[in-house]
Amino acid sequence: MDNYKTRITPAKEDAVKALKDEFAGYDSFIFTDYRGMTVEQITDIRKSLRKEEAAYRVVKNRYAKIALNDLGKTGADDEMKGPTAVALIKGDTANSVAKILFNANKDGVTITVKGALVDGELMNADQIEALSKLPTKLELIASLMGTMKAPVQKLAATLLAYVESKGGASAEAN
């Protein structure tokens, strides 16, 4: 019996190189099963993710595994079984992207999050769901600014009340 050997064609090499080049521009990856989704639903998810500078790409598992491993982003081979689409994430927006994916599921889209590779750390579906429930960076900054603003507002109100109690600011005080 002859040994079976996979033939590596130039087309396969080009496909892996194209994926590798695309994946190199992203920091994190959320792996999903897209079975049962319509083209319209996938398009809607892509539009939502673009707002977060993320992409959603249906991939051939074998090529994606090779591309990620070549980039040193290892450990996600188990997440790439069956039909797989990957949310490609830049920067620290992984929780925003996860929120979009889980909210799509609540809206009747049959998307299943399998796992993720976030900043080099492998996460399972439960961990990604927990990440999706955290506030985004902008929400945290807004909360911090609101907290910092309150004492300043109180001081300004106190100073204004003091000035008014002394008869207001005189026009000659310049």
Protein backbone atom coordinates (compact mmCIF):
# COMPACT_ATOMS: atom_id res chain seq x y z
CA MET A 1 0.00 0.00 0.00
CA ASP A 2 1.33 3.41 -0.96
CA ASN A 3 1.81 6.02 1.72
CA TYR A 4 -0.50 8.97 1.32
CA LYS A 5 1.27 12.29 1.16
CA THR A 6 -0.42 15.65 1.07
CA ARG A 7 0.51 17.53 -2.03
CA ILE A 8 1.30 21.13 -1.37
CA THR A 9 0.25 23.13 -4.38
CA PRO A 10 1.19 26.72 -5.10
CA ALA A 11 -2.49 27.66 -4.68
CA LYS A 12 -2.52 26.23 -1.13
CA GLU A 13 0.73 28.01 -0.29
CA ASP A 14 -0.71 31.28 -1.60
CA ALA A 15 -3.91 30.81 0.42
CA VAL A 16 -1.94 30.21 3.63
CA LYS A 17 0.32 33.19 2.91
CA ALA A 18 -2.71 35.44 2.32
CA LEU A 19 -4.26 34.35 5.63
CA LYS A 20 -0.96 34.77 7.43
CA ASP A 21 -0.58 38.30 6.03
CA GLU A 22 -4.13 39.17 7.10
CA PHE A 23 -3.82 37.61 10.58
CA ALA A 24 -0.53 39.44 11.19
CA GLY A 25 -2.44 42.73 11.40
CA TYR A 26 -4.58 41.55 14.32
CA ASP A 27 -3.90 40.91 18.01
CA SER A 28 -6.78 38.67 19.05
CA PHE A 29 -9.07 36.09 17.48
CA ILE A 30 -12.50 34.79 18.51
CA PHE A 31 -13.46 31.50 16.87
CA THR A 32 -17.12 30.85 16.10
CA ASP A 33 -19.30 28.21 14.49
CA TYR A 34 -21.45 29.93 11.89
CA ARG A 35 -23.68 26.96 10.94
CA GLY A 36 -27.27 28.01 10.38
CA MET A 37 -26.46 31.68 9.79
CA THR A 38 -27.76 33.39 6.68
CA VAL A 39 -25.57 35.52 4.42
CA GLU A 40 -27.53 38.56 5.63
CA GLN A 41 -26.77 37.74 9.29
CA ILE A 42 -23.05 37.31 8.57
CA THR A 43 -23.09 40.62 6.68
CA ASP A 44 -24.77 42.36 9.64
CA ILE A 45 -22.15 40.99 12.04
CA ARG A 46 -19.38 42.16 9.72
CA LYS A 47 -20.89 45.68 9.64
CA SER A 48 -21.11 45.78 13.45
CA LEU A 49 -17.54 44.55 13.83
CA ARG A 50 -16.16 47.11 11.36
CA LYS A 51 -17.20 49.83 13.82
CA GLU A 52 -14.75 48.24 16.28
CA GLU A 53 -12.02 47.99 13.59
CA ALA A 54 -12.54 44.22 13.61
CA ALA A 55 -13.29 41.78 10.82
CA TYR A 56 -15.24 38.55 10.54
CA ARG A 57 -13.86 35.95 8.19
CA VAL A 58 -14.95 32.43 7.28
CA VAL A 59 -11.75 30.37 7.12
CA LYS A 60 -10.55 26.99 6.00
CA ASN A 61 -9.41 25.41 9.28
CA ARG A 62 -6.25 23.78 8.00
CA TYR A 63 -4.98 27.01 6.43
CA ALA A 64 -5.92 29.09 9.47
CA LYS A 65 -4.08 26.70 11.83
CA ILE A 66 -0.93 26.88 9.72
CA ALA A 67 -1.12 30.68 9.42
CA LEU A 68 -1.64 31.23 13.17
CA ASN A 69 1.08 28.75 14.13
CA ASP A 70 3.53 30.38 11.68
CA LEU A 71 2.81 33.71 13.40
CA GLY A 72 3.55 32.19 16.82
CA LYS A 73 -0.10 32.42 17.89
CA THR A 74 -0.43 28.83 19.02
CA GLY A 75 -2.88 26.82 21.06
CA ALA A 76 -6.12 27.43 19.16
CA ASP A 77 -6.09 24.29 17.00
CA ASP A 78 -8.95 22.68 18.96
CA GLU A 79 -11.20 25.71 18.35
CA MET A 80 -10.85 25.25 14.60
CA LYS A 81 -12.94 22.15 14.07
CA GLY A 82 -16.06 22.16 11.95
CA PRO A 83 -17.29 25.26 10.11
CA THR A 84 -15.29 28.17 11.51
CA ALA A 85 -15.49 31.92 11.18
CA VAL A 86 -12.98 34.09 13.00
CA ALA A 87 -13.51 37.55 14.46
CA LEU A 88 -10.20 39.36 13.92
CA ILE A 89 -9.51 42.01 16.57
CA LYS A 90 -7.06 44.91 16.75
CA GLY A 91 -5.99 46.47 20.02
CA ASP A 92 -7.95 46.14 23.23
CA THR A 93 -11.47 45.83 21.82
CA ALA A 94 -11.85 42.07 22.43
CA ASN A 95 -14.64 42.60 24.96
CA SER A 96 -16.55 44.92 22.59
CA VAL A 97 -16.27 42.36 19.80
CA ALA A 98 -17.32 39.54 22.14
CA LYS A 99 -20.34 41.67 23.18
CA ILE A 100 -21.37 42.03 19.53
CA LEU A 101 -21.10 38.27 18.94
CA PHE A 102 -23.06 37.32 22.06
CA ASN A 103 -25.71 40.00 21.41
CA ALA A 104 -26.14 38.66 17.87
CA ASN A 105 -26.87 35.27 19.41
CA LYS A 106 -29.53 36.85 21.65
CA ASP A 107 -31.09 38.44 18.54
CA GLY A 108 -31.81 35.02 17.04
CA VAL A 109 -28.59 34.53 15.06
CA THR A 110 -27.34 30.95 15.38
CA ILE A 111 -23.71 31.78 16.15
CA THR A 112 -21.71 29.75 18.66
CA VAL A 113 -18.51 31.09 20.19
CA LYS A 114 -16.03 28.21 20.44
CA GLY A 115 -13.11 29.97 22.09
CA ALA A 116 -10.55 32.68 21.55
CA LEU A 117 -6.94 33.68 21.48
CA VAL A 118 -6.87 37.09 23.18
CA ASP A 119 -3.45 38.75 23.31
CA GLY A 120 -1.81 35.33 23.16
CA GLU A 121 -3.98 33.83 25.93
CA LEU A 122 -6.26 30.93 25.06
CA MET A 123 -9.81 31.38 26.39
CA ASN A 124 -12.80 29.04 26.32
CA ALA A 125 -16.36 30.06 25.44
CA ASP A 126 -17.32 30.73 29.09
CA GLN A 127 -14.32 33.02 29.59
CA ILE A 128 -15.16 34.93 26.41
CA GLU A 129 -18.76 35.33 27.59
CA ALA A 130 -17.48 36.73 30.91
CA LEU A 131 -15.18 39.09 28.97
CA SER A 132 -18.17 40.27 26.92
CA LYS A 133 -19.93 41.38 30.12
CA LEU A 134 -17.10 43.66 31.23
CA PRO A 135 -17.40 47.39 30.50
CA THR A 136 -15.52 48.64 27.46
CA LYS A 137 -12.50 50.91 27.73
CA LEU A 138 -14.61 53.95 26.79
CA GLU A 139 -17.23 53.07 29.41
CA LEU A 140 -14.51 52.80 32.06
CA ILE A 141 -13.00 56.15 31.05
CA ALA A 142 -16.44 57.82 31.14
CA SER A 143 -17.07 56.40 34.60
CA LEU A 144 -13.68 57.58 35.83
CA MET A 145 -14.21 61.05 34.40
CA GLY A 146 -17.63 61.26 36.05
CA THR A 147 -16.09 60.28 39.38
CA MET A 148 -13.30 62.87 38.99
CA LYS A 149 -15.73 65.59 37.91
CA ALA A 150 -18.01 65.38 40.97
CA PRO A 151 -15.59 66.90 43.55
CA VAL A 152 -14.68 69.73 41.15
CA GLN A 153 -18.37 70.53 40.62
CA LYS A 154 -18.92 70.55 44.39
CA LEU A 155 -15.98 72.92 44.91
CA ALA A 156 -17.23 75.26 42.18
CA ALA A 157 -20.72 75.31 43.70
CA THR A 158 -19.29 76.03 47.17
CA LEU A 159 -17.13 78.88 45.85
CA LEU A 160 -20.06 80.35 43.93
CA ALA A 161 -22.25 80.18 47.05
CA TYR A 162 -19.50 81.92 49.07
CA VAL A 163 -19.12 84.70 46.50
CA GLU A 164 -22.89 85.21 46.38
CA SER A 165 -23.10 85.32 50.19
CA LYS A 166 -20.60 88.20 50.19
CA GLY A 167 -22.74 90.21 47.83
CA GLY A 168 -21.43 88.84 44.56
CA ALA A 169 -18.31 89.77 42.67
CA SER A 170 -17.83 93.49 42.24
CA ALA A 171 -17.19 94.94 38.80
CA GLU A 172 -14.18 96.89 40.23
CA ALA A 173 -12.39 93.72 41.37
CA ASN A 174 -10.43 93.60 38.09
